[in-house]
Amino acid sequence: MTDSIDPIVLAQALLAAPSVTPARGEVFDVLEAAVTPLGFVVERWVVEGVENMVATRGTGKPHLAFAGHLDVVPPGEGWASNAFSPEVRGDLLYGRGAVDMKSSIAAFVAAAAQVPDLGTLSLLITGDEEGEADHGTVEIIKHIQAKGIVPDLCLVGEPTSVDRLGDTIKIGRRGSTNIWITVPGTQGHVAYPQLADNPIPKLIRILSALDALVLDAGNDWFQASNLEMTELEVGNPASNVIPPQARARISIRFNDAHKGADLVARVTAIAQSFAPNAVVRGKVYGEAFLTPPGMLSEIVSAAIAKHTGIAPELSTTGGTSDARFLSKLCPVVEFGLCNATMHKVDEAVAIPDVHTLTAIYADVIRAAFAK
């Protein structure tokens, strides 16, 4: 054990390693070099161009895991400085991934350096969270299950805070599915509609019915599920031609009153009631999950209160995260930095927040090992 890791220095080193999803290579080298002197045994492997890492220290129970990702979204245009050349201006550290979520990984490593081996501590780090997530945390789960090192508790370092560090932790997430609807027609001249079959009115009726659909009213822990139309396409370059097909895409974020496959089937039934030959394809990115308030959320909340004076809100809002996979293994809580600038141009983290987060994470580790 050592107490010599500065989380800002480590965050800067991680930020300086470009890692647009899917990530591999240099950024993992930086993290491995940081955790190896702390006694972590590191395993790294690549699946379909995606690198994953499991770093483990200590033995026995309890086993606390920290899960995170080193991949980032593309920086976009308009940065005041190079997105992959971290820069400190005032109290802010700028760089793509500063908030989501390289600084929280650095904070956890710095926290681990402060805590002795009193159980098993692990880092489950992927390079495939911002992308399709097909070869990231799902592969890590297979790996730790095969080795018999499934954690008892898992903390995910996603940026959950909204207005102030510590105001929100996530104890669950809604599920997510995208559904593609294609309505076939018969192409023809607009002056001879009897010789054609226009798919657009059928698709409009389908979308109208879906727009009127009320999935639920929410419940004690989840907001109401919502269905949103995200794409409408005909692709018809001619003004005097009835098109051969019309397509739409919808996205549903759903609570634990539903299963993704059931929602796809429901949309399919509605679509085919207006257009029996409609083709509907759905992809479920994750099911809704909830870790009921208990020991882990109490530990995290107590550490937050100690260092910030805030009693955090227990929330299930927001998009999906890799906690949707990890929740199948053990209780999972997500807690990290303020999320105001994540994925934005000039993404930046408040340096004092990183130091406070380090102190909170260190107390979470100590409290988890004391249980």
Protein backbone atom coordinates (compact mmCIF):
# COMPACT_ATOMS: atom_id res chain seq x y z
CA MET A 1 0.00 0.00 0.00
CA THR A 2 1.14 3.54 -0.79
CA ASP A 3 -0.45 6.95 -0.51
CA SER A 4 1.59 8.59 -3.24
CA ILE A 5 -0.86 8.65 -6.18
CA ASP A 6 -2.13 12.06 -7.23
CA PRO A 7 -5.47 11.48 -8.99
CA ILE A 8 -5.05 14.60 -11.13
CA VAL A 9 -1.67 13.46 -12.44
CA LEU A 10 -3.10 10.04 -13.26
CA ALA A 11 -6.19 11.57 -14.85
CA GLN A 12 -3.97 13.74 -17.05
CA ALA A 13 -1.98 10.71 -18.17
CA LEU A 14 -5.19 8.84 -19.05
CA LEU A 15 -6.60 11.86 -20.87
CA ALA A 16 -3.44 12.21 -22.92
CA ALA A 17 -3.96 8.73 -24.36
CA PRO A 18 -6.56 9.05 -27.16
CA SER A 19 -9.14 6.32 -26.72
CA VAL A 20 -12.15 6.94 -28.94
CA THR A 21 -14.35 3.87 -28.69
CA PRO A 22 -13.44 1.05 -29.11
CA ALA A 23 -10.35 1.65 -26.97
CA ARG A 24 -7.22 -0.44 -26.57
CA GLY A 25 -3.50 -0.12 -26.15
CA GLU A 26 -1.87 3.00 -24.74
CA VAL A 27 -4.60 4.09 -22.34
CA PHE A 28 -4.65 0.62 -20.79
CA ASP A 29 -0.86 0.72 -20.53
CA VAL A 30 -1.16 3.89 -18.45
CA LEU A 31 -3.69 2.34 -16.09
CA GLU A 32 -1.74 -0.90 -15.73
CA ALA A 33 1.42 1.05 -14.86
CA ALA A 34 -0.52 2.86 -12.13
CA VAL A 35 -2.16 -0.14 -10.45
CA THR A 36 0.65 -2.72 -10.65
CA PRO A 37 2.79 -1.03 -7.95
CA LEU A 38 -0.28 -1.11 -5.69
CA GLY A 39 -0.27 -4.90 -5.72
CA PHE A 40 -2.93 -5.46 -8.38
CA VAL A 41 -2.57 -8.45 -10.66
CA VAL A 42 -3.58 -7.29 -14.13
CA GLU A 43 -5.16 -9.33 -16.89
CA ARG A 44 -5.79 -7.75 -20.29
CA TRP A 45 -7.21 -9.18 -23.47
CA VAL A 46 -8.66 -7.98 -26.76
CA VAL A 47 -11.94 -9.16 -28.31
CA GLU A 48 -12.89 -7.90 -31.77
CA GLY A 49 -10.67 -4.85 -31.39
CA VAL A 50 -11.90 -4.04 -27.87
CA GLU A 51 -9.54 -4.24 -24.91
CA ASN A 52 -10.69 -5.23 -21.43
CA MET A 53 -8.88 -5.29 -18.10
CA VAL A 54 -9.44 -7.04 -14.81
CA ALA A 55 -7.08 -5.98 -12.04
CA THR A 56 -7.36 -7.76 -8.70
CA ARG A 57 -5.73 -7.21 -5.33
CA GLY A 58 -6.14 -9.22 -2.14
CA THR A 59 -8.06 -12.40 -1.43
CA GLY A 60 -11.19 -13.59 0.27
CA LYS A 61 -14.37 -11.77 1.11
CA PRO A 62 -15.73 -9.24 0.92
CA HIS A 63 -14.97 -8.52 -2.71
CA LEU A 64 -15.63 -4.96 -3.86
CA ALA A 65 -15.34 -4.21 -7.56
CA PHE A 66 -15.05 -0.86 -9.27
CA ALA A 67 -16.30 -0.86 -12.84
CA GLY A 68 -15.58 1.73 -15.49
CA HIS A 69 -14.57 2.41 -19.07
CA LEU A 70 -11.59 4.03 -20.74
CA ASP A 71 -13.20 4.56 -24.12
CA VAL A 72 -14.59 7.98 -24.96
CA VAL A 73 -16.85 9.49 -27.59
CA PRO A 74 -15.25 11.41 -30.48
CA PRO A 75 -14.23 14.92 -29.44
CA GLY A 76 -16.02 16.87 -32.14
CA GLU A 77 -15.01 20.29 -33.42
CA GLY A 78 -14.58 23.59 -31.60
CA TRP A 79 -12.39 22.77 -28.61
CA ALA A 80 -10.45 25.66 -27.07
CA SER A 81 -7.49 23.28 -26.76
CA ASN A 82 -6.58 19.83 -28.07
CA ALA A 83 -9.12 17.36 -26.70
CA PHE A 84 -6.37 14.82 -26.03
CA SER A 85 -3.86 17.25 -24.58
CA PRO A 86 -5.20 17.74 -21.05
CA GLU A 87 -5.05 21.32 -19.90
CA VAL A 88 -5.64 22.92 -16.51
CA ARG A 89 -7.30 26.30 -16.60
CA GLY A 90 -8.18 27.65 -13.20
CA ASP A 91 -9.79 24.88 -11.14
CA LEU A 92 -10.82 22.86 -14.20
CA LEU A 93 -9.10 20.01 -15.99
CA TYR A 94 -10.08 19.87 -19.67
CA GLY A 95 -9.96 16.87 -21.98
CA ARG A 96 -12.20 14.33 -23.66
CA GLY A 97 -13.09 11.82 -20.96
CA ALA A 98 -12.36 14.16 -18.04
CA VAL A 99 -15.88 13.61 -16.72
CA ASP A 100 -16.90 10.43 -18.50
CA MET A 101 -15.01 8.79 -16.95
CA LYS A 102 -11.23 8.81 -16.75
CA SER A 103 -11.05 11.11 -13.72
CA SER A 104 -13.25 8.82 -11.64
CA ILE A 105 -11.04 5.85 -12.57
CA ALA A 106 -8.03 7.89 -11.45
CA ALA A 107 -9.82 8.79 -8.23
CA PHE A 108 -10.56 5.16 -7.45
CA VAL A 109 -6.98 4.09 -8.10
CA ALA A 110 -5.76 6.88 -5.82
CA ALA A 111 -8.29 5.78 -3.20
CA ALA A 112 -7.15 2.16 -3.45
CA ALA A 113 -3.60 3.33 -2.76
CA GLN A 114 -4.78 4.62 0.63
CA VAL A 115 -6.54 1.46 1.84
CA PRO A 116 -4.84 -1.71 3.08
CA ASP A 117 -5.69 -5.19 1.84
CA LEU A 118 -8.64 -6.25 3.97
CA GLY A 119 -10.46 -8.26 1.31
CA THR A 120 -10.55 -8.46 -2.46
CA LEU A 121 -10.54 -5.27 -4.48
CA SER A 122 -10.87 -5.31 -8.25
CA LEU A 123 -11.13 -2.99 -11.21
CA LEU A 124 -13.28 -4.09 -14.12
CA ILE A 125 -12.33 -1.75 -16.95
CA THR A 126 -13.53 -1.93 -20.55
CA GLY A 127 -12.83 -0.14 -23.80
CA ASP A 128 -16.35 -0.68 -25.15
CA GLU A 129 -18.97 1.24 -23.18
CA GLU A 130 -19.57 4.23 -25.42
CA GLY A 131 -20.02 2.03 -28.49
CA GLU A 132 -22.09 -1.09 -29.02
CA ALA A 133 -20.89 -2.64 -25.73
CA ASP A 134 -20.93 -6.07 -27.35
CA HIS A 135 -17.34 -7.00 -26.44
CA GLY A 136 -16.75 -5.07 -23.23
CA THR A 137 -18.31 -5.67 -19.84
CA VAL A 138 -20.17 -8.74 -21.11
CA GLU A 139 -16.76 -10.32 -21.82
CA ILE A 140 -15.42 -9.20 -18.44
CA ILE A 141 -18.36 -10.91 -16.74
CA LYS A 142 -17.62 -14.15 -18.60
CA HIS A 143 -13.99 -13.88 -17.51
CA ILE A 144 -14.60 -13.32 -13.80
CA GLN A 145 -17.29 -15.99 -13.69
CA ALA A 146 -14.91 -18.51 -15.25
CA LYS A 147 -12.21 -17.60 -12.70
CA GLY A 148 -14.60 -17.65 -9.74
CA ILE A 149 -13.93 -14.02 -8.75
CA VAL A 150 -17.43 -12.58 -8.94
CA PRO A 151 -17.70 -9.53 -6.65
CA ASP A 152 -20.05 -9.22 -3.69
CA LEU A 153 -20.59 -5.51 -4.32
CA CYS A 154 -19.92 -3.29 -7.34
CA LEU A 155 -19.42 0.45 -7.59
CA VAL A 156 -19.65 1.94 -11.08
CA GLY A 157 -17.88 5.27 -11.53
CA GLU A 158 -20.25 6.87 -14.04
CA PRO A 159 -20.80 10.64 -13.69
CA THR A 160 -24.08 10.59 -11.76
CA SER A 161 -23.90 13.96 -9.97
CA VAL A 162 -26.08 16.69 -11.47
CA ASP A 163 -25.60 20.11 -9.91
CA ARG A 164 -23.05 19.31 -7.24
CA LEU A 165 -20.75 16.39 -6.49
CA GLY A 166 -22.67 13.92 -4.35
CA ASP A 167 -26.22 15.03 -5.07
CA THR A 168 -27.21 11.88 -6.96
CA ILE A 169 -26.33 8.21 -7.00
CA LYS A 170 -27.94 5.65 -9.26
CA ILE A 171 -29.44 2.48 -7.84
CA GLY A 172 -31.01 1.37 -11.10
CA ARG A 173 -31.56 2.27 -14.71
CA ARG A 174 -34.37 2.02 -17.20
CA GLY A 175 -34.10 -0.44 -20.04
CA SER A 176 -33.52 0.56 -23.64
CA THR A 177 -34.66 -0.76 -27.00
CA ASN A 178 -34.59 0.53 -30.57
CA ILE A 179 -37.22 -0.72 -32.99
CA TRP A 180 -37.12 -0.37 -36.78
CA ILE A 181 -40.39 -0.47 -38.77
CA THR A 182 -40.47 -0.96 -42.53
CA VAL A 183 -43.76 -0.77 -44.41
CA PRO A 184 -43.52 -2.19 -47.96
CA GLY A 185 -45.59 -0.70 -50.77
CA THR A 186 -45.79 -0.85 -54.52
CA GLN A 187 -44.06 1.87 -56.51
CA GLY A 188 -46.07 3.68 -59.13
CA HIS A 189 -47.02 6.98 -60.78
CA VAL A 190 -48.86 9.42 -58.54
CA ALA A 191 -51.43 9.99 -61.31
CA TYR A 192 -52.36 6.29 -61.25
CA PRO A 193 -52.62 5.46 -57.53
CA GLN A 194 -54.88 2.48 -58.28
CA LEU A 195 -51.85 0.80 -59.82
CA ALA A 196 -49.64 1.37 -56.78
CA ASP A 197 -49.72 0.89 -53.01
CA ASN A 198 -48.56 3.89 -51.00
CA PRO A 199 -46.83 2.82 -47.76
CA ILE A 200 -46.67 6.31 -46.25
CA PRO A 201 -50.28 6.60 -45.00
CA LYS A 202 -49.97 3.19 -43.36
CA LEU A 203 -46.76 4.19 -41.60
CA ILE A 204 -48.37 7.46 -40.47
CA ARG A 205 -51.25 5.53 -38.90
CA ILE A 206 -48.78 3.20 -37.17
CA LEU A 207 -46.80 6.11 -35.76
CA SER A 208 -49.96 7.89 -34.67
CA ALA A 209 -51.05 4.83 -32.72
CA LEU A 210 -47.61 4.50 -31.14
CA ASP A 211 -47.55 8.20 -30.26
CA ALA A 212 -50.85 7.77 -28.40
CA LEU A 213 -49.59 4.72 -26.51
CA VAL A 214 -49.23 5.15 -22.74
CA LEU A 215 -46.91 2.44 -21.50
CA ASP A 216 -47.23 3.13 -17.76
CA ALA A 217 -47.37 5.91 -15.18
CA GLY A 218 -44.09 5.12 -13.45
CA ASN A 219 -43.69 3.69 -9.96
CA ASP A 220 -41.91 4.29 -6.66
CA TRP A 221 -38.41 4.12 -8.15
CA PHE A 222 -38.86 4.69 -11.87
CA GLN A 223 -40.26 7.46 -14.00
CA ALA A 224 -42.79 6.60 -16.67
CA SER A 225 -41.54 4.70 -19.69
CA ASN A 226 -41.31 6.81 -22.84
CA LEU A 227 -41.52 5.98 -26.54
CA GLU A 228 -39.87 8.41 -28.92
CA MET A 229 -39.73 8.51 -32.71
CA THR A 230 -36.15 9.05 -33.79
CA GLU A 231 -36.14 8.58 -37.55
CA LEU A 232 -38.57 8.76 -40.46
CA GLU A 233 -37.35 7.98 -43.96
CA VAL A 234 -38.85 7.42 -47.38
CA GLY A 235 -35.85 8.17 -49.56
CA ASN A 236 -37.93 9.18 -52.55
CA PRO A 237 -36.09 11.59 -54.91
CA ALA A 238 -39.01 11.99 -57.31
CA SER A 239 -42.08 14.14 -56.71
CA ASN A 240 -44.32 12.14 -59.04
CA VAL A 241 -43.58 8.64 -57.76
CA ILE A 242 -45.33 6.69 -55.03
CA PRO A 243 -42.42 5.14 -53.08
CA PRO A 244 -41.88 1.40 -52.69
CA GLN A 245 -41.44 1.55 -48.92
CA ALA A 246 -41.41 3.80 -45.86
CA ARG A 247 -39.30 3.35 -42.74
CA ALA A 248 -39.24 4.62 -39.18
CA ARG A 249 -37.22 4.03 -36.04
CA ILE A 250 -38.44 4.40 -32.48
CA SER A 251 -36.65 4.28 -29.16
CA ILE A 252 -38.23 3.14 -25.90
CA ARG A 253 -36.74 3.75 -22.46
CA PHE A 254 -38.70 1.53 -20.12
CA ASN A 255 -38.96 0.83 -16.42
CA ASP A 256 -39.16 -2.47 -14.57
CA ALA A 257 -42.82 -2.93 -15.47
CA HIS A 258 -41.68 -4.18 -18.87
CA LYS A 259 -39.29 -6.50 -20.65
CA GLY A 260 -37.65 -5.41 -23.86
CA ALA A 261 -38.85 -8.38 -25.92
CA ASP A 262 -42.45 -7.78 -24.83
CA LEU A 263 -42.27 -4.18 -26.00
CA VAL A 264 -40.89 -5.23 -29.38
CA ALA A 265 -43.75 -7.72 -29.70
CA ARG A 266 -46.28 -5.04 -28.73
CA VAL A 267 -44.97 -2.61 -31.34
CA THR A 268 -44.96 -5.39 -33.93
CA ALA A 269 -48.62 -6.17 -33.25
CA ILE A 270 -49.60 -2.50 -33.57
CA ALA A 271 -47.63 -2.07 -36.80
CA GLN A 272 -49.06 -5.18 -38.40
CA SER A 273 -52.60 -4.23 -37.41
CA PHE A 274 -52.31 -1.31 -39.86
CA ALA A 275 -49.92 -2.95 -42.32
CA PRO A 276 -49.96 -6.77 -42.12
CA ASN A 277 -46.81 -7.00 -44.25
CA ALA A 278 -44.86 -4.54 -42.09
CA VAL A 279 -41.41 -5.76 -41.09
CA VAL A 280 -40.42 -4.93 -37.50
CA ARG A 281 -36.97 -5.47 -36.03
CA GLY A 282 -36.01 -4.68 -32.46
CA LYS A 283 -32.78 -4.63 -30.50
CA VAL A 284 -32.83 -4.60 -26.70
CA TYR A 285 -29.75 -2.86 -25.33
CA GLY A 286 -30.55 -3.56 -21.69
CA GLU A 287 -33.36 -4.42 -19.32
CA ALA A 288 -34.45 -2.21 -16.48
CA PHE A 289 -32.85 -3.08 -13.14
CA LEU A 290 -33.00 -1.92 -9.55
CA THR A 291 -30.68 -2.46 -6.59
CA PRO A 292 -33.09 -1.79 -3.72
CA PRO A 293 -31.74 0.60 -1.07
CA GLY A 294 -29.51 -1.35 1.27
CA MET A 295 -25.98 -1.79 2.51
CA LEU A 296 -24.15 -0.58 -0.60
CA SER A 297 -26.23 2.56 -1.15
CA GLU A 298 -25.98 3.29 2.58
CA ILE A 299 -22.17 2.99 2.49
CA VAL A 300 -21.90 5.30 -0.52
CA SER A 301 -24.40 7.78 0.91
CA ALA A 302 -22.57 7.93 4.24
CA ALA A 303 -19.23 8.59 2.55
CA ILE A 304 -20.79 11.33 0.42
CA ALA A 305 -22.40 12.97 3.45
CA LYS A 306 -19.12 12.89 5.36
CA HIS A 307 -17.16 14.71 2.67
CA THR A 308 -19.80 16.96 1.10
CA GLY A 309 -22.54 17.39 3.69
CA ILE A 310 -25.07 16.20 1.10
CA ALA A 311 -27.65 13.46 1.48
CA PRO A 312 -27.71 12.11 -2.09
CA GLU A 313 -30.85 11.35 -4.02
CA LEU A 314 -31.26 7.70 -4.95
CA SER A 315 -32.16 7.81 -8.63
CA THR A 316 -32.86 5.60 -11.64
CA THR A 317 -32.91 8.39 -14.23
CA GLY A 318 -30.69 8.84 -17.24
CA GLY A 319 -29.49 6.60 -20.03
CA THR A 320 -28.08 3.11 -19.94
CA SER A 321 -24.71 2.13 -18.50
CA ASP A 322 -22.73 -1.06 -18.05
CA ALA A 323 -24.40 -1.44 -14.65
CA ARG A 324 -27.18 -3.13 -16.60
CA PHE A 325 -24.87 -6.11 -17.09
CA LEU A 326 -23.20 -6.06 -13.69
CA SER A 327 -26.52 -5.90 -11.83
CA LYS A 328 -27.01 -9.56 -12.69
CA LEU A 329 -23.99 -10.47 -10.53
CA CYS A 330 -24.40 -8.51 -7.32
CA PRO A 331 -25.75 -5.26 -5.82
CA VAL A 332 -24.61 -2.30 -7.95
CA VAL A 333 -24.52 1.42 -7.23
CA GLU A 334 -23.28 4.10 -9.60
CA PHE A 335 -21.62 7.23 -8.30
CA GLY A 336 -19.25 9.70 -9.86
CA LEU A 337 -18.58 13.25 -10.97
CA CYS A 338 -20.89 16.03 -12.16
CA ASN A 339 -22.18 15.18 -15.60
CA ALA A 340 -22.85 18.67 -17.02
CA THR A 341 -20.08 18.57 -19.65
CA MET A 342 -19.87 14.89 -20.51
CA HIS A 343 -19.80 14.27 -24.28
CA LYS A 344 -19.66 18.05 -24.87
CA VAL A 345 -17.01 20.21 -26.49
CA ASP A 346 -14.52 21.41 -23.82
CA GLU A 347 -15.46 18.62 -21.42
CA ALA A 348 -13.99 19.53 -18.05
CA VAL A 349 -13.91 18.35 -14.45
CA ALA A 350 -13.49 20.46 -11.33
CA ILE A 351 -10.15 19.52 -9.79
CA PRO A 352 -11.42 19.84 -6.18
CA ASP A 353 -14.20 17.40 -7.07
CA VAL A 354 -11.67 14.78 -8.13
CA HIS A 355 -9.88 15.04 -4.79
CA THR A 356 -13.19 14.87 -2.91
CA LEU A 357 -14.27 11.88 -4.99
CA THR A 358 -11.01 10.16 -4.09
CA ALA A 359 -11.75 10.64 -0.39
CA ILE A 360 -15.30 9.34 -0.84
CA TYR A 361 -14.13 6.28 -2.74
CA ALA A 362 -11.51 5.54 -0.09
CA ASP A 363 -14.19 5.59 2.61
CA VAL A 364 -16.43 3.35 0.51
CA ILE A 365 -13.62 0.80 0.22
CA ARG A 366 -12.94 0.92 3.97
CA ALA A 367 -16.62 0.57 4.85
CA ALA A 368 -17.16 -2.28 2.40
CA PHE A 369 -14.20 -4.16 3.83
CA ALA A 370 -15.53 -3.60 7.35
CA LYS A 371 -18.81 -5.37 6.60
